[in-house]
């Protein structure tokens, strides 16, 4: 049986991973004989969305009101 993931712990882990990606300390390396290639490929937008989702789940789990992520924009005309 698969155990449920604690959203608070998982959000913290993903925030650490994001920091590693942004600072360049998270990379992969491949060696072919004498040639070596280092790279890291990441979708920061998807990672940010997953962190936001987990933070919302964590807030709900702990009985806090989830933080608002989007706000309505108001546009209008004021005649002076």
PDB file of N, CA and C in Angstrom:
ATOM      1  N   UNK A   1       0.837  -1.177   0.000  1.00  0.00           N
ATOM      2  CA  UNK A   1       0.000   0.000   0.000  1.00  0.00           C
ATOM      3  C   UNK A   1       0.886   1.246   0.000  1.00  0.00           C
ATOM      4  N   UNK A   2       0.543   2.203  -0.811  1.00  0.00           N
ATOM      5  CA  UNK A   2       1.308   3.434  -0.910  1.00  0.00           C
ATOM      6  C   UNK A   2       0.910   4.365   0.225  1.00  0.00           C
ATOM      7  N   UNK A   3       1.903   4.846   0.944  1.00  0.00           N
ATOM      8  CA  UNK A   3       1.626   5.763   2.047  1.00  0.00           C
ATOM      9  C   UNK A   3       1.459   7.176   1.497  1.00  0.00           C
ATOM     10  N   UNK A   4       0.503   7.932   2.046  1.00  0.00           N
ATOM     11  CA  UNK A   4       0.302   9.305   1.557  1.00  0.00           C
ATOM     12  C   UNK A   4       1.508  10.189   1.896  1.00  0.00           C
ATOM     13  N   UNK A   5       1.769  11.104   0.992  1.00  0.00           N
ATOM     14  CA  UNK A   5       2.893  12.020   1.162  1.00  0.00           C
ATOM     15  C   UNK A   5       2.440  13.212   2.004  1.00  0.00           C
ATOM     16  N   UNK A   6       3.254  13.581   2.984  1.00  0.00           N
ATOM     17  CA  UNK A   6       2.953  14.761   3.795  1.00  0.00           C
ATOM     18  C   UNK A   6       3.236  16.002   2.944  1.00  0.00           C
ATOM     19  N   UNK A   7       2.214  16.820   2.635  1.00  0.00           N
ATOM     20  CA  UNK A   7       2.431  17.964   1.739  1.00  0.00           C
ATOM     21  C   UNK A   7       3.399  18.992   2.312  1.00  0.00           C
ATOM     22  N   UNK A   8       3.474  19.124   3.637  1.00  0.00           N
ATOM     23  CA  UNK A   8       4.384  20.103   4.236  1.00  0.00           C
ATOM     24  C   UNK A   8       5.844  19.690   4.018  1.00  0.00           C
ATOM     25  N   UNK A   9       6.124  18.404   4.223  1.00  0.00           N
ATOM     26  CA  UNK A   9       7.484  17.889   4.040  1.00  0.00           C
ATOM     27  C   UNK A   9       7.876  17.932   2.565  1.00  0.00           C
ATOM     28  N   UNK A  10       6.952  17.533   1.703  1.00  0.00           N
ATOM     29  CA  UNK A  10       7.242  17.519   0.263  1.00  0.00           C
ATOM     30  C   UNK A  10       7.461  18.931  -0.274  1.00  0.00           C
ATOM     31  N   UNK A  11       6.680  19.917   0.193  1.00  0.00           N
ATOM     32  CA  UNK A  11       6.868  21.309  -0.242  1.00  0.00           C
ATOM     33  C   UNK A  11       8.237  21.813   0.180  1.00  0.00           C
ATOM     34  N   UNK A  12       8.662  21.486   1.389  1.00  0.00           N
ATOM     35  CA  UNK A  12       9.990  21.902   1.857  1.00  0.00           C
ATOM     36  C   UNK A  12      11.090  21.265   1.008  1.00  0.00           C
ATOM     37  N   UNK A  13      10.919  19.986   0.663  1.00  0.00           N
ATOM     38  CA  UNK A  13      11.916  19.291  -0.166  1.00  0.00           C
ATOM     39  C   UNK A  13      12.006  19.920  -1.551  1.00  0.00           C
ATOM     40  N   UNK A  14      10.857  20.265  -2.141  1.00  0.00           N
ATOM     41  CA  UNK A  14      10.867  20.873  -3.471  1.00  0.00           C
ATOM     42  C   UNK A  14      11.427  22.292  -3.447  1.00  0.00           C
ATOM     43  N   UNK A  15      11.200  23.026  -2.358  1.00  0.00           N
ATOM     44  CA  UNK A  15      11.803  24.371  -2.245  1.00  0.00           C
ATOM     45  C   UNK A  15      13.325  24.264  -2.201  1.00  0.00           C
ATOM     46  N   UNK A  16      13.858  23.260  -1.489  1.00  0.00           N
ATOM     47  CA  UNK A  16      15.313  23.048  -1.458  1.00  0.00           C
ATOM     48  C   UNK A  16      15.835  22.681  -2.842  1.00  0.00           C
ATOM     49  N   UNK A  17      15.098  21.811  -3.545  1.00  0.00           N
ATOM     50  CA  UNK A  17      15.492  21.420  -4.893  1.00  0.00           C
ATOM     51  C   UNK A  17      15.499  22.623  -5.828  1.00  0.00           C
ATOM     52  N   UNK A  18      14.486  23.490  -5.713  1.00  0.00           N
ATOM     53  CA  UNK A  18      14.427  24.698  -6.547  1.00  0.00           C
ATOM     54  C   UNK A  18      15.629  25.594  -6.291  1.00  0.00           C
ATOM     55  N   UNK A  19      16.013  25.740  -5.029  1.00  0.00           N
ATOM     56  CA  UNK A  19      17.184  26.548  -4.689  1.00  0.00           C
ATOM     57  C   UNK A  19      18.438  25.958  -5.320  1.00  0.00           C
ATOM     58  N   UNK A  20      18.570  24.639  -5.283  1.00  0.00           N
ATOM     59  CA  UNK A  20      19.731  23.990  -5.904  1.00  0.00           C
ATOM     60  C   UNK A  20      19.755  24.213  -7.415  1.00  0.00           C
ATOM     61  N   UNK A  21      18.604  24.146  -8.046  1.00  0.00           N
ATOM     62  CA  UNK A  21      18.531  24.344  -9.499  1.00  0.00           C
ATOM     63  C   UNK A  21      18.906  25.774  -9.861  1.00  0.00           C
ATOM     64  N   UNK A  22      18.349  26.745  -9.137  1.00  0.00           N
ATOM     65  CA  UNK A  22      18.596  28.151  -9.460  1.00  0.00           C
ATOM     66  C   UNK A  22      20.055  28.532  -9.232  1.00  0.00           C
ATOM     67  N   UNK A  23      20.666  28.010  -8.175  1.00  0.00           N
ATOM     68  CA  UNK A  23      22.054  28.358  -7.871  1.00  0.00           C
ATOM     69  C   UNK A  23      23.063  27.550  -8.679  1.00  0.00           C
ATOM     70  N   UNK A  24      22.573  26.575  -9.459  1.00  0.00           N
ATOM     71  CA  UNK A  24      23.469  25.809 -10.312  1.00  0.00           C
ATOM     72  C   UNK A  24      24.188  24.678  -9.601  1.00  0.00           C
ATOM     73  N   UNK A  25      23.797  24.356  -8.388  1.00  0.00           N
ATOM     74  CA  UNK A  25      24.465  23.280  -7.652  1.00  0.00           C
ATOM     75  C   UNK A  25      23.821  21.926  -7.903  1.00  0.00           C
ATOM     76  N   UNK A  26      22.785  21.893  -8.704  1.00  0.00           N
ATOM     77  CA  UNK A  26      22.124  20.632  -9.028  1.00  0.00           C
ATOM     78  C   UNK A  26      22.376  20.354 -10.500  1.00  0.00           C
ATOM     79  N   UNK A  27      23.266  19.448 -10.765  1.00  0.00           N
ATOM     80  CA  UNK A  27      23.564  19.148 -12.153  1.00  0.00           C
ATOM     81  C   UNK A  27      23.859  17.668 -12.297  1.00  0.00           C
ATOM     82  N   UNK A  28      23.770  17.189 -13.519  1.00  0.00           N
ATOM     83  CA  UNK A  28      24.081  15.805 -13.835  1.00  0.00           C
ATOM     84  C   UNK A  28      25.323  15.796 -14.699  1.00  0.00           C
ATOM     85  N   UNK A  29      26.043  14.705 -14.627  1.00  0.00           N
ATOM     86  CA  UNK A  29      27.212  14.622 -15.501  1.00  0.00           C
ATOM     87  C   UNK A  29      27.265  13.253 -16.144  1.00  0.00           C
ATOM     88  N   UNK A  30      27.712  13.258 -17.388  1.00  0.00           N
ATOM     89  CA  UNK A  30      27.863  12.036 -18.160  1.00  0.00           C
ATOM     90  C   UNK A  30      29.280  12.012 -18.705  1.00  0.00           C
ATOM     91  N   UNK A  31      29.904  10.858 -18.630  1.00  0.00           N
ATOM     92  CA  UNK A  31      31.281  10.731 -19.113  1.00  0.00           C
ATOM     93  C   UNK A  31      31.314   9.681 -20.228  1.00  0.00           C
ATOM     94  N   UNK A  32      31.889  10.058 -21.366  1.00  0.00           N
ATOM     95  CA  UNK A  32      32.128   9.160 -22.484  1.00  0.00           C
ATOM     96  C   UNK A  32      33.629   9.133 -22.714  1.00  0.00           C
ATOM     97  N   UNK A  33      34.261   8.116 -22.269  1.00  0.00           N
ATOM     98  CA  UNK A  33      35.723   7.988 -22.364  1.00  0.00           C
ATOM     99  C   UNK A  33      36.395   9.182 -21.695  1.00  0.00           C
ATOM    100  N   UNK A  34      36.909  10.116 -22.493  1.00  0.00           N
ATOM    101  CA  UNK A  34      37.580  11.278 -21.918  1.00  0.00           C
ATOM    102  C   UNK A  34      36.696  12.523 -21.931  1.00  0.00           C
ATOM    103  N   UNK A  35      35.558  12.460 -22.621  1.00  0.00           N
ATOM    104  CA  UNK A  35      34.659  13.603 -22.682  1.00  0.00           C
ATOM    105  C   UNK A  35      33.658  13.556 -21.525  1.00  0.00           C
ATOM    106  N   UNK A  36      33.387  14.723 -20.986  1.00  0.00           N
ATOM    107  CA  UNK A  36      32.450  14.813 -19.876  1.00  0.00           C
ATOM    108  C   UNK A  36      31.466  15.949 -20.149  1.00  0.00           C
ATOM    109  N   UNK A  37      30.188  15.687 -19.916  1.00  0.00           N
ATOM    110  CA  UNK A  37      29.145  16.679 -20.141  1.00  0.00           C
ATOM    111  C   UNK A  37      28.386  16.861 -18.825  1.00  0.00           C
ATOM    112  N   UNK A  38      28.160  18.126 -18.452  1.00  0.00           N
ATOM    113  CA  UNK A  38      27.370  18.439 -17.265  1.00  0.00           C
ATOM    114  C   UNK A  38      26.159  19.254 -17.700  1.00  0.00           C
ATOM    115  N   UNK A  39      25.008  18.896 -17.177  1.00  0.00           N
ATOM    116  CA  UNK A  39      23.799  19.619 -17.545  1.00  0.00           C
ATOM    117  C   UNK A  39      22.743  19.446 -16.461  1.00  0.00           C
ATOM    118  N   UNK A  40      21.750  20.293 -16.529  1.00  0.00           N
ATOM    119  CA  UNK A  40      20.559  20.125 -15.698  1.00  0.00           C
ATOM    120  C   UNK A  40      19.395  20.758 -16.424  1.00  0.00           C
ATOM    121  N   UNK A  41      18.360  19.995 -16.568  1.00  0.00           N
ATOM    122  CA  UNK A  41      17.177  20.473 -17.268  1.00  0.00           C
ATOM    123  C   UNK A  41      16.026  20.493 -16.274  1.00  0.00           C
ATOM    124  N   UNK A  42      15.354  21.625 -16.178  1.00  0.00           N
ATOM    125  CA  UNK A  42      14.243  21.734 -15.231  1.00  0.00           C
ATOM    126  C   UNK A  42      13.193  22.689 -15.762  1.00  0.00           C
ATOM    127  N   UNK A  43      11.958  22.411 -15.426  1.00  0.00           N
ATOM    128  CA  UNK A  43      10.837  23.282 -15.760  1.00  0.00           C
ATOM    129  C   UNK A  43      10.462  24.022 -14.478  1.00  0.00           C
ATOM    130  N   UNK A  44      11.019  25.222 -14.293  1.00  0.00           N
ATOM    131  CA  UNK A  44      10.787  25.963 -13.052  1.00  0.00           C
ATOM    132  C   UNK A  44       9.333  26.370 -12.886  1.00  0.00           C
ATOM    133  N   UNK A  45       8.636  26.628 -13.969  1.00  0.00           N
ATOM    134  CA  UNK A  45       7.221  26.975 -13.875  1.00  0.00           C
ATOM    135  C   UNK A  45       6.409  25.830 -13.284  1.00  0.00           C
ATOM    136  N   UNK A  46       6.654  24.615 -13.780  1.00  0.00           N
ATOM    137  CA  UNK A  46       5.941  23.445 -13.250  1.00  0.00           C
ATOM    138  C   UNK A  46       6.334  23.187 -11.808  1.00  0.00           C
ATOM    139  N   UNK A  47       7.603  23.385 -11.484  1.00  0.00           N
ATOM    140  CA  UNK A  47       8.065  23.195 -10.112  1.00  0.00           C
ATOM    141  C   UNK A  47       7.414  24.207  -9.173  1.00  0.00           C
ATOM    142  N   UNK A  48       7.305  25.462  -9.612  1.00  0.00           N
ATOM    143  CA  UNK A  48       6.649  26.493  -8.798  1.00  0.00           C
ATOM    144  C   UNK A  48       5.164  26.174  -8.580  1.00  0.00           C
ATOM    145  N   UNK A  49       4.502  25.669  -9.615  1.00  0.00           N
ATOM    146  CA  UNK A  49       3.091  25.308  -9.483  1.00  0.00           C
ATOM    147  C   UNK A  49       2.905  24.154  -8.498  1.00  0.00           C
ATOM    148  N   UNK A  50       3.791  23.182  -8.548  1.00  0.00           N
ATOM    149  CA  UNK A  50       3.700  22.048  -7.628  1.00  0.00           C
ATOM    150  C   UNK A  50       3.981  22.483  -6.187  1.00  0.00           C
ATOM    151  N   UNK A  51       4.939  23.372  -6.000  1.00  0.00           N
ATOM    152  CA  UNK A  51       5.214  23.896  -4.657  1.00  0.00           C
ATOM    153  C   UNK A  51       4.002  24.648  -4.131  1.00  0.00           C
ATOM    154  N   UNK A  52       3.372  25.470  -4.968  1.00  0.00           N
ATOM    155  CA  UNK A  52       2.188  26.221  -4.547  1.00  0.00           C
ATOM    156  C   UNK A  52       1.044  25.276  -4.192  1.00  0.00           C
ATOM    157  N   UNK A  53       0.872  24.205  -4.977  1.00  0.00           N
ATOM    158  CA  UNK A  53      -0.182  23.233  -4.700  1.00  0.00           C
ATOM    159  C   UNK A  53       0.059  22.538  -3.359  1.00  0.00           C
ATOM    160  N   UNK A  54       1.301  22.146  -3.112  1.00  0.00           N
ATOM    161  CA  UNK A  54       1.629  21.467  -1.862  1.00  0.00           C
ATOM    162  C   UNK A  54       1.518  22.409  -0.665  1.00  0.00           C
ATOM    163  N   UNK A  55       1.890  23.681  -0.850  1.00  0.00           N
ATOM    164  CA  UNK A  55       1.753  24.639   0.245  1.00  0.00           C
ATOM    165  C   UNK A  55       0.286  24.855   0.600  1.00  0.00           C
ATOM    166  N   UNK A  56      -0.597  24.880  -0.403  1.00  0.00           N
ATOM    167  CA  UNK A  56      -2.027  24.999  -0.157  1.00  0.00           C
ATOM    168  C   UNK A  56      -2.537  23.771   0.594  1.00  0.00           C
ATOM    169  N   UNK A  57      -2.117  22.580   0.158  1.00  0.00           N
ATOM    170  CA  UNK A  57      -2.524  21.348   0.842  1.00  0.00           C
ATOM    171  C   UNK A  57      -2.010  21.327   2.279  1.00  0.00           C
ATOM    172  N   UNK A  58      -0.813  21.834   2.501  1.00  0.00           N
ATOM    173  CA  UNK A  58      -0.241  21.901   3.845  1.00  0.00           C
ATOM    174  C   UNK A  58      -1.051  22.851   4.719  1.00  0.00           C
ATOM    175  N   UNK A  59      -1.407  24.006   4.177  1.00  0.00           N
ATOM    176  CA  UNK A  59      -2.211  24.965   4.941  1.00  0.00           C
ATOM    177  C   UNK A  59      -3.551  24.359   5.346  1.00  0.00           C
ATOM    178  N   UNK A  60      -4.198  23.663   4.421  1.00  0.00           N
ATOM    179  CA  UNK A  60      -5.486  23.032   4.702  1.00  0.00           C
ATOM    180  C   UNK A  60      -5.323  21.944   5.763  1.00  0.00           C
ATOM    181  N   UNK A  61      -4.256  21.150   5.627  1.00  0.00           N
ATOM    182  CA  UNK A  61      -4.011  20.067   6.587  1.00  0.00           C
ATOM    183  C   UNK A  61      -3.812  20.605   8.000  1.00  0.00           C
ATOM    184  N   UNK A  62      -3.139  21.746   8.115  1.00  0.00           N
ATOM    185  CA  UNK A  62      -2.844  22.309   9.426  1.00  0.00           C
ATOM    186  C   UNK A  62      -3.926  23.273   9.917  1.00  0.00           C
ATOM    187  N   UNK A  63      -5.021  23.391   9.176  1.00  0.00           N
ATOM    188  CA  UNK A  63      -6.152  24.197   9.620  1.00  0.00           C
ATOM    189  C   UNK A  63      -6.017  25.690   9.368  1.00  0.00           C
ATOM    190  N   UNK A  64      -5.071  26.081   8.540  1.00  0.00           N
ATOM    191  CA  UNK A  64      -4.908  27.496   8.189  1.00  0.00           C
ATOM    192  C   UNK A  64      -5.649  27.776   6.891  1.00  0.00           C
ATOM    193  N   UNK A  65      -6.002  29.028   6.705  1.00  0.00           N
ATOM    194  CA  UNK A  65      -6.609  29.431   5.437  1.00  0.00           C
ATOM    195  C   UNK A  65      -5.512  29.475   4.373  1.00  0.00           C
ATOM    196  N   UNK A  66      -5.738  28.834   3.232  1.00  0.00           N
ATOM    197  CA  UNK A  66      -4.707  28.846   2.183  1.00  0.00           C
ATOM    198  C   UNK A  66      -4.419  30.262   1.704  1.00  0.00           C
ATOM    199  N   UNK A  67      -3.175  30.523   1.382  1.00  0.00           N
ATOM    200  CA  UNK A  67      -2.769  31.831   0.863  1.00  0.00           C
ATOM    201  C   UNK A  67      -3.380  32.024  -0.522  1.00  0.00           C
ATOM    202  N   UNK A  68      -3.845  33.241  -0.784  1.00  0.00           N
ATOM    203  CA  UNK A  68      -4.389  33.531  -2.108  1.00  0.00           C
ATOM    204  C   UNK A  68      -3.247  33.675  -3.095  1.00  0.00           C
ATOM    205  N   UNK A  69      -3.362  33.007  -4.204  1.00  0.00           N
ATOM    206  CA  UNK A  69      -2.316  33.033  -5.223  1.00  0.00           C
ATOM    207  C   UNK A  69      -2.650  33.966  -6.379  1.00  0.00           C
ATOM    208  N   UNK A  70      -3.948  34.170  -6.621  1.00  0.00           N
ATOM    209  CA  UNK A  70      -4.379  35.009  -7.737  1.00  0.00           C
ATOM    210  C   UNK A  70      -5.355  36.041  -7.226  1.00  0.00           C
ATOM    211  N   UNK A  71      -5.308  37.177  -7.799  1.00  0.00           N
ATOM    212  CA  UNK A  71      -6.205  38.255  -7.422  1.00  0.00           C
ATOM    213  C   UNK A  71      -6.893  38.768  -8.669  1.00  0.00           C
ATOM    214  N   UNK A  72      -8.139  39.176  -8.520  1.00  0.00           N
ATOM    215  CA  UNK A  72      -8.882  39.722  -9.654  1.00  0.00           C
ATOM    216  C   UNK A  72      -8.335  41.109  -9.979  1.00  0.00           C
ATOM    217  N   UNK A  73      -8.243  41.384 -11.250  1.00  0.00           N
ATOM    218  CA  UNK A  73      -7.806  42.705 -11.678  1.00  0.00           C
ATOM    219  C   UNK A  73      -9.042  43.506 -12.048  1.00  0.00           C
ATOM    220  N   UNK A  74      -9.006  44.732 -11.688  1.00  0.00           N
ATOM    221  CA  UNK A  74     -10.150  45.590 -11.964  1.00  0.00           C
ATOM    222  C   UNK A  74      -9.732  46.658 -12.957  1.00  0.00           C
ATOM    223  N   UNK A  75     -10.508  46.814 -13.972  1.00  0.00           N
ATOM    224  CA  UNK A  75     -10.246  47.843 -14.950  1.00  0.00           C
ATOM    225  C   UNK A  75     -11.508  48.676 -15.090  1.00  0.00           C
ATOM    226  N   UNK A  76     -11.332  49.918 -15.198  1.00  0.00           N
ATOM    227  CA  UNK A  76     -12.504  50.756 -15.313  1.00  0.00           C
ATOM    228  C   UNK A  76     -12.133  52.144 -15.793  1.00  0.00           C
ATOM    229  N   UNK A  77     -13.116  52.944 -16.002  1.00  0.00           N
ATOM    230  CA  UNK A  77     -12.925  54.289 -16.467  1.00  0.00           C
ATOM    231  C   UNK A  77     -13.504  55.214 -15.436  1.00  0.00           C
ATOM    232  N   UNK A  78     -12.710  56.191 -15.043  1.00  0.00           N
ATOM    233  CA  UNK A  78     -13.205  57.221 -14.111  1.00  0.00           C
ATOM    234  C   UNK A  78     -13.287  58.536 -14.852  1.00  0.00           C
ATOM    235  N   UNK A  79     -14.469  59.058 -14.946  1.00  0.00           N
ATOM    236  CA  UNK A  79     -14.652  60.343 -15.610  1.00  0.00           C
ATOM    237  C   UNK A  79     -14.429  61.438 -14.558  1.00  0.00           C
ATOM    238  N   UNK A  80     -13.553  62.350 -14.833  1.00  0.00           N
ATOM    239  CA  UNK A  80     -13.261  63.443 -13.877  1.00  0.00           C
ATOM    240  C   UNK A  80     -14.022  64.674 -14.245  1.00  0.00           C
TER     241      UNK A  80
END
